[in-house]
Amino acid sequence: MFVTRNKVPLLVQSALCVVLVVMLAAGAIGIYREGIAEKQEDPLAWVYTREKAAAALRPVAPVFLAAVAVTVVCAVLNVRDENENKPVKDVELNRNLMRERVAEPSEAMRREQACQKKLLIGGWAGFGICMLPVLLYMINGSHFQNGDLEEMIGGVALHVFPWIILGLACLITSEILQGRSIQREYDAVMERIKEEKAAGIKVDPKEKQLEKSCTLLRVILLVVAVVFILVGIRNGSMNAVINKAIRICTECVGLG
């Protein structure tokens, strides 16, 4: 049974909070729209008054009181989430820990790792492509010359928000698919551990950690070398090296 008796008040409380937020947002938007209409008729009219705020909050009051009542009932009955003190199951962390015990990755592991890289790159690439129309719209000053706030917000909502939602959908889809791939890789890792254990293959974690440290050190040294080469080219040291090399060849060795 997915929904237990203790979860019902928590679900009701969550639903009331969502409804409360939606109603507050709708009330604020309603006050704003009414104010815009009044400003067109009388530019000196005072838009945000206590009476208007009270009128907007009146329908919200029952929902707010219901949310408070449910909160009090949950506190009195000590209704809590059963999983609040349990550690979050991190499949990726477990996968990484178990991967350290594998001497040689299996074909299934390599396939899932390649799939995760493609999903990661594809998700961010899709997000970047979706952000291009947003950037082009936002840097176009002609969209914000009118001065009408409502028209500008409407234009942003029409031309920007859909692309942002689509970009976030790309990232969320990529993340979900990566999670499934990580789970499949974890299963493959556990199967590989069983195979190596049956074959009598043992892995020294210290040796594997040392190999990772050496690889990381090589990458750091390579990056530092590339940075210094670029700095030398930038500040003109490359020309000095070429001139010295020419002098060595022509003066010391006697070429030319």
Protein backbone atom coordinates (compact mmCIF):
# COMPACT_ATOMS: atom_id res chain seq x y z
CA MET A 1 0.00 0.00 0.00
CA PHE A 2 1.66 3.20 -1.15
CA VAL A 3 -0.38 5.70 0.91
CA THR A 4 -0.44 4.88 4.64
CA ARG A 5 -2.70 6.41 7.25
CA ASN A 6 0.05 8.73 8.47
CA LYS A 7 0.68 10.06 4.99
CA VAL A 8 -2.91 11.23 4.39
CA PRO A 9 -2.67 14.33 6.67
CA LEU A 10 0.72 15.18 5.16
CA LEU A 11 -0.68 14.96 1.63
CA VAL A 12 -3.67 17.11 2.63
CA GLN A 13 -1.34 19.66 4.20
CA SER A 14 0.82 19.78 1.06
CA ALA A 15 -2.24 20.19 -1.18
CA LEU A 16 -3.57 23.03 0.98
CA CYS A 17 -0.20 24.81 0.84
CA VAL A 18 -0.14 24.56 -2.96
CA VAL A 19 -3.71 25.89 -3.22
CA LEU A 20 -2.81 28.70 -0.80
CA VAL A 21 0.18 29.77 -2.92
CA VAL A 22 -1.91 29.71 -6.12
CA MET A 23 -4.70 31.76 -4.55
CA LEU A 24 -2.26 34.36 -3.17
CA ALA A 25 -0.60 34.69 -6.57
CA ALA A 26 -3.98 35.01 -8.29
CA GLY A 27 -5.04 37.69 -5.80
CA ALA A 28 -1.85 39.70 -6.37
CA ILE A 29 -2.25 39.49 -10.15
CA GLY A 30 -5.90 40.53 -9.82
CA ILE A 31 -4.97 43.62 -7.80
CA TYR A 32 -2.30 44.51 -10.35
CA ARG A 33 -4.67 44.20 -13.32
CA GLU A 34 -7.36 46.25 -11.60
CA GLY A 35 -4.77 48.88 -10.75
CA ILE A 36 -3.61 49.11 -14.36
CA ALA A 37 -7.22 49.67 -15.49
CA GLU A 38 -7.73 52.37 -12.82
CA LYS A 39 -4.47 54.08 -13.75
CA GLN A 40 -5.65 54.44 -17.34
CA GLU A 41 -8.76 56.26 -16.16
CA ASP A 42 -7.13 58.22 -13.34
CA PRO A 43 -3.29 58.34 -13.31
CA LEU A 44 -3.32 59.70 -9.74
CA ALA A 45 -5.48 56.89 -8.35
CA TRP A 46 -4.01 54.92 -5.44
CA VAL A 47 -3.93 51.30 -6.56
CA TYR A 48 -2.70 49.31 -3.57
CA THR A 49 -5.09 49.94 -0.68
CA ARG A 50 -5.93 48.00 2.46
CA GLU A 51 -9.47 47.47 1.24
CA LYS A 52 -8.29 45.82 -1.97
CA ALA A 53 -5.80 43.64 -0.08
CA ALA A 54 -8.52 42.60 2.38
CA ALA A 55 -10.90 41.78 -0.48
CA ALA A 56 -8.21 39.64 -2.15
CA LEU A 57 -7.35 37.85 1.11
CA ARG A 58 -10.96 37.10 2.05
CA PRO A 59 -11.29 33.98 -0.18
CA VAL A 60 -7.82 32.84 0.96
CA ALA A 61 -8.67 32.90 4.67
CA PRO A 62 -10.60 29.56 4.79
CA VAL A 63 -7.79 27.73 3.01
CA PHE A 64 -5.21 29.31 5.30
CA LEU A 65 -7.17 28.35 8.43
CA ALA A 66 -7.62 24.80 7.12
CA ALA A 67 -3.85 24.52 6.51
CA VAL A 68 -3.14 25.78 10.04
CA ALA A 69 -5.68 23.32 11.49
CA VAL A 70 -4.13 20.37 9.65
CA THR A 71 -0.67 21.46 10.86
CA VAL A 72 -1.88 21.60 14.46
CA VAL A 73 -3.54 18.18 14.15
CA CYS A 74 -0.34 16.68 12.74
CA ALA A 75 1.68 18.18 15.58
CA VAL A 76 -0.73 16.95 18.27
CA LEU A 77 -0.99 13.43 16.83
CA ASN A 78 2.77 13.38 16.13
CA VAL A 79 2.19 12.55 12.48
CA ARG A 80 5.54 12.49 10.69
CA ASP A 81 7.05 11.22 7.50
CA GLU A 82 8.23 7.67 8.05
CA ASN A 83 11.32 8.21 5.91
CA GLU A 84 12.45 11.59 7.31
CA ASN A 85 15.23 10.05 9.43
CA LYS A 86 16.25 7.42 6.89
CA PRO A 87 19.27 8.12 4.71
CA VAL A 88 18.50 8.97 1.12
CA LYS A 89 19.29 6.11 -1.23
CA ASP A 90 22.02 7.39 -3.53
CA VAL A 91 22.39 4.91 -6.39
CA GLU A 92 25.22 6.91 -7.95
CA LEU A 93 27.25 6.89 -4.74
CA ASN A 94 26.69 3.15 -4.28
CA ARG A 95 27.69 2.61 -7.91
CA ASN A 96 30.93 4.55 -7.41
CA LEU A 97 31.78 2.63 -4.23
CA MET A 98 31.11 -0.74 -5.83
CA ARG A 99 33.01 0.23 -8.97
CA GLU A 100 36.19 0.50 -6.87
CA ARG A 101 35.97 -3.23 -6.25
CA VAL A 102 36.01 -4.12 -9.93
CA ALA A 103 39.36 -4.99 -11.50
CA GLU A 104 38.26 -4.81 -15.15
CA PRO A 105 34.93 -3.21 -16.21
CA SER A 106 32.58 -5.41 -18.16
CA GLU A 107 31.14 -4.56 -21.56
CA ALA A 108 27.78 -3.71 -19.99
CA MET A 109 29.47 -1.27 -17.60
CA ARG A 110 31.32 0.47 -20.44
CA ARG A 111 28.14 0.67 -22.48
CA GLU A 112 26.21 2.33 -19.65
CA GLN A 113 29.06 4.75 -18.91
CA ALA A 114 29.11 5.82 -22.57
CA CYS A 115 25.31 6.19 -22.47
CA GLN A 116 25.54 8.44 -19.39
CA LYS A 117 28.11 10.70 -21.07
CA LYS A 118 25.91 11.05 -24.15
CA LEU A 119 22.85 11.83 -22.01
CA LEU A 120 24.77 14.42 -20.00
CA ILE A 121 26.11 16.16 -23.10
CA GLY A 122 22.76 15.88 -24.88
CA GLY A 123 20.82 17.33 -21.94
CA TRP A 124 23.07 20.37 -21.60
CA ALA A 125 23.28 20.81 -25.37
CA GLY A 126 19.49 20.83 -25.58
CA PHE A 127 19.33 23.34 -22.73
CA GLY A 128 21.90 25.57 -24.44
CA ILE A 129 20.01 25.48 -27.75
CA CYS A 130 16.78 26.41 -25.96
CA MET A 131 18.53 29.34 -24.27
CA LEU A 132 19.61 30.87 -27.59
CA PRO A 133 16.13 32.28 -28.46
CA VAL A 134 15.86 33.56 -24.88
CA LEU A 135 19.18 35.38 -25.19
CA LEU A 136 18.30 36.81 -28.59
CA TYR A 137 14.96 38.10 -27.29
CA MET A 138 16.39 39.60 -24.10
CA ILE A 139 19.24 41.47 -25.82
CA ASN A 140 16.87 42.99 -28.36
CA GLY A 141 16.17 46.43 -26.92
CA SER A 142 13.16 47.01 -29.18
CA HIS A 143 11.15 44.57 -27.04
CA PHE A 144 11.46 46.83 -23.98
CA GLN A 145 11.06 50.33 -25.40
CA ASN A 146 7.32 50.64 -24.88
CA GLY A 147 7.45 51.12 -21.11
CA ASP A 148 4.19 49.20 -20.62
CA LEU A 149 5.05 46.72 -17.87
CA GLU A 150 2.13 44.44 -18.57
CA GLU A 151 2.96 44.26 -22.29
CA MET A 152 6.63 43.55 -21.54
CA ILE A 153 5.73 40.79 -19.08
CA GLY A 154 3.33 39.33 -21.63
CA GLY A 155 6.03 39.37 -24.30
CA VAL A 156 8.53 37.68 -21.99
CA ALA A 157 5.94 35.09 -20.99
CA LEU A 158 5.14 34.37 -24.64
CA HIS A 159 8.65 34.33 -26.11
CA VAL A 160 10.91 33.39 -23.16
CA PHE A 161 9.08 31.15 -20.70
CA PRO A 162 8.26 28.35 -23.20
CA TRP A 163 11.94 28.06 -24.18
CA ILE A 164 13.02 28.02 -20.54
CA ILE A 165 10.46 25.31 -19.76
CA LEU A 166 11.62 23.30 -22.78
CA GLY A 167 15.27 23.67 -21.73
CA LEU A 168 14.50 22.54 -18.18
CA ALA A 169 12.53 19.63 -19.63
CA CYS A 170 15.66 18.59 -21.56
CA LEU A 171 17.73 18.65 -18.38
CA ILE A 172 15.11 16.79 -16.33
CA THR A 173 14.67 14.13 -19.03
CA SER A 174 18.43 13.71 -19.29
CA GLU A 175 18.72 13.40 -15.51
CA ILE A 176 15.96 10.78 -15.31
CA LEU A 177 17.49 8.71 -18.11
CA GLN A 178 20.93 9.01 -16.50
CA GLY A 179 19.47 7.72 -13.24
CA ARG A 180 18.08 4.67 -14.98
CA SER A 181 21.40 4.09 -16.74
CA ILE A 182 23.25 4.39 -13.41
CA GLN A 183 20.91 1.79 -11.91
CA ARG A 184 21.61 -0.57 -14.82
CA GLU A 185 25.34 0.04 -14.43
CA TYR A 186 25.07 -0.67 -10.70
CA ASP A 187 23.42 -4.01 -11.47
CA ALA A 188 26.19 -4.73 -14.00
CA VAL A 189 28.83 -3.81 -11.40
CA MET A 190 27.35 -6.19 -8.85
CA GLU A 191 27.25 -8.95 -11.45
CA ARG A 192 30.87 -8.23 -12.40
CA ILE A 193 31.94 -8.38 -8.74
CA LYS A 194 30.35 -11.82 -8.45
CA GLU A 195 32.13 -13.01 -11.61
CA GLU A 196 35.54 -11.77 -10.44
CA LYS A 197 34.97 -13.21 -6.97
CA ALA A 198 34.15 -16.58 -8.49
CA ALA A 199 37.28 -16.35 -10.66
CA GLY A 200 39.45 -15.49 -7.62
CA ILE A 201 40.36 -11.98 -8.83
CA LYS A 202 41.08 -9.54 -6.00
CA VAL A 203 41.38 -5.78 -6.25
CA ASP A 204 43.56 -3.66 -3.98
CA PRO A 205 41.63 -0.41 -3.29
CA LYS A 206 44.86 1.44 -2.39
CA GLU A 207 46.47 0.52 -5.70
CA LYS A 208 43.40 1.64 -7.60
CA GLN A 209 43.29 4.91 -5.66
CA LEU A 210 46.98 5.48 -6.42
CA GLU A 211 46.31 4.92 -10.11
CA LYS A 212 43.50 7.51 -10.00
CA SER A 213 45.75 10.00 -8.21
CA CYS A 214 48.48 9.55 -10.83
CA THR A 215 45.98 10.07 -13.64
CA LEU A 216 44.69 13.23 -11.96
CA LEU A 217 48.26 14.50 -11.51
CA ARG A 218 49.00 13.92 -15.20
CA VAL A 219 45.90 15.88 -16.19
CA ILE A 220 46.82 18.76 -13.85
CA LEU A 221 50.38 18.92 -15.21
CA LEU A 222 49.08 18.85 -18.79
CA VAL A 223 46.67 21.71 -18.09
CA VAL A 224 49.40 23.76 -16.37
CA ALA A 225 51.78 23.16 -19.31
CA VAL A 226 49.16 24.30 -21.84
CA VAL A 227 48.40 27.41 -19.74
CA PHE A 228 52.09 28.38 -19.55
CA ILE A 229 52.55 27.81 -23.28
CA LEU A 230 49.60 30.11 -24.02
CA VAL A 231 50.95 32.71 -21.57
CA GLY A 232 54.37 32.55 -23.28
CA ILE A 233 52.83 33.05 -26.69
CA ARG A 234 50.77 35.93 -25.32
CA ASN A 235 53.65 37.87 -23.75
CA GLY A 236 56.05 37.40 -26.70
CA SER A 237 58.37 34.82 -25.13
CA MET A 238 57.94 32.61 -28.19
CA ASN A 239 59.80 35.19 -30.35
CA ALA A 240 62.64 35.36 -27.82
CA VAL A 241 63.02 31.57 -27.90
CA ILE A 242 63.06 31.56 -31.71
CA ASN A 243 65.72 34.33 -31.81
CA LYS A 244 67.92 32.45 -29.33
CA ALA A 245 67.55 29.24 -31.33
CA ILE A 246 68.56 31.07 -34.51
CA ARG A 247 71.64 32.56 -32.84
CA ILE A 248 72.68 29.16 -31.49
CA CYS A 249 72.42 27.60 -34.95
CA THR A 250 74.19 30.46 -36.79
CA GLU A 251 76.83 31.50 -34.23
CA CYS A 252 77.70 28.39 -32.19
CA VAL A 253 77.09 25.55 -34.61
CA GLY A 254 78.11 27.65 -37.62
CA LEU A 255 75.18 26.98 -39.89
CA GLY A 256 74.52 29.54 -42.64
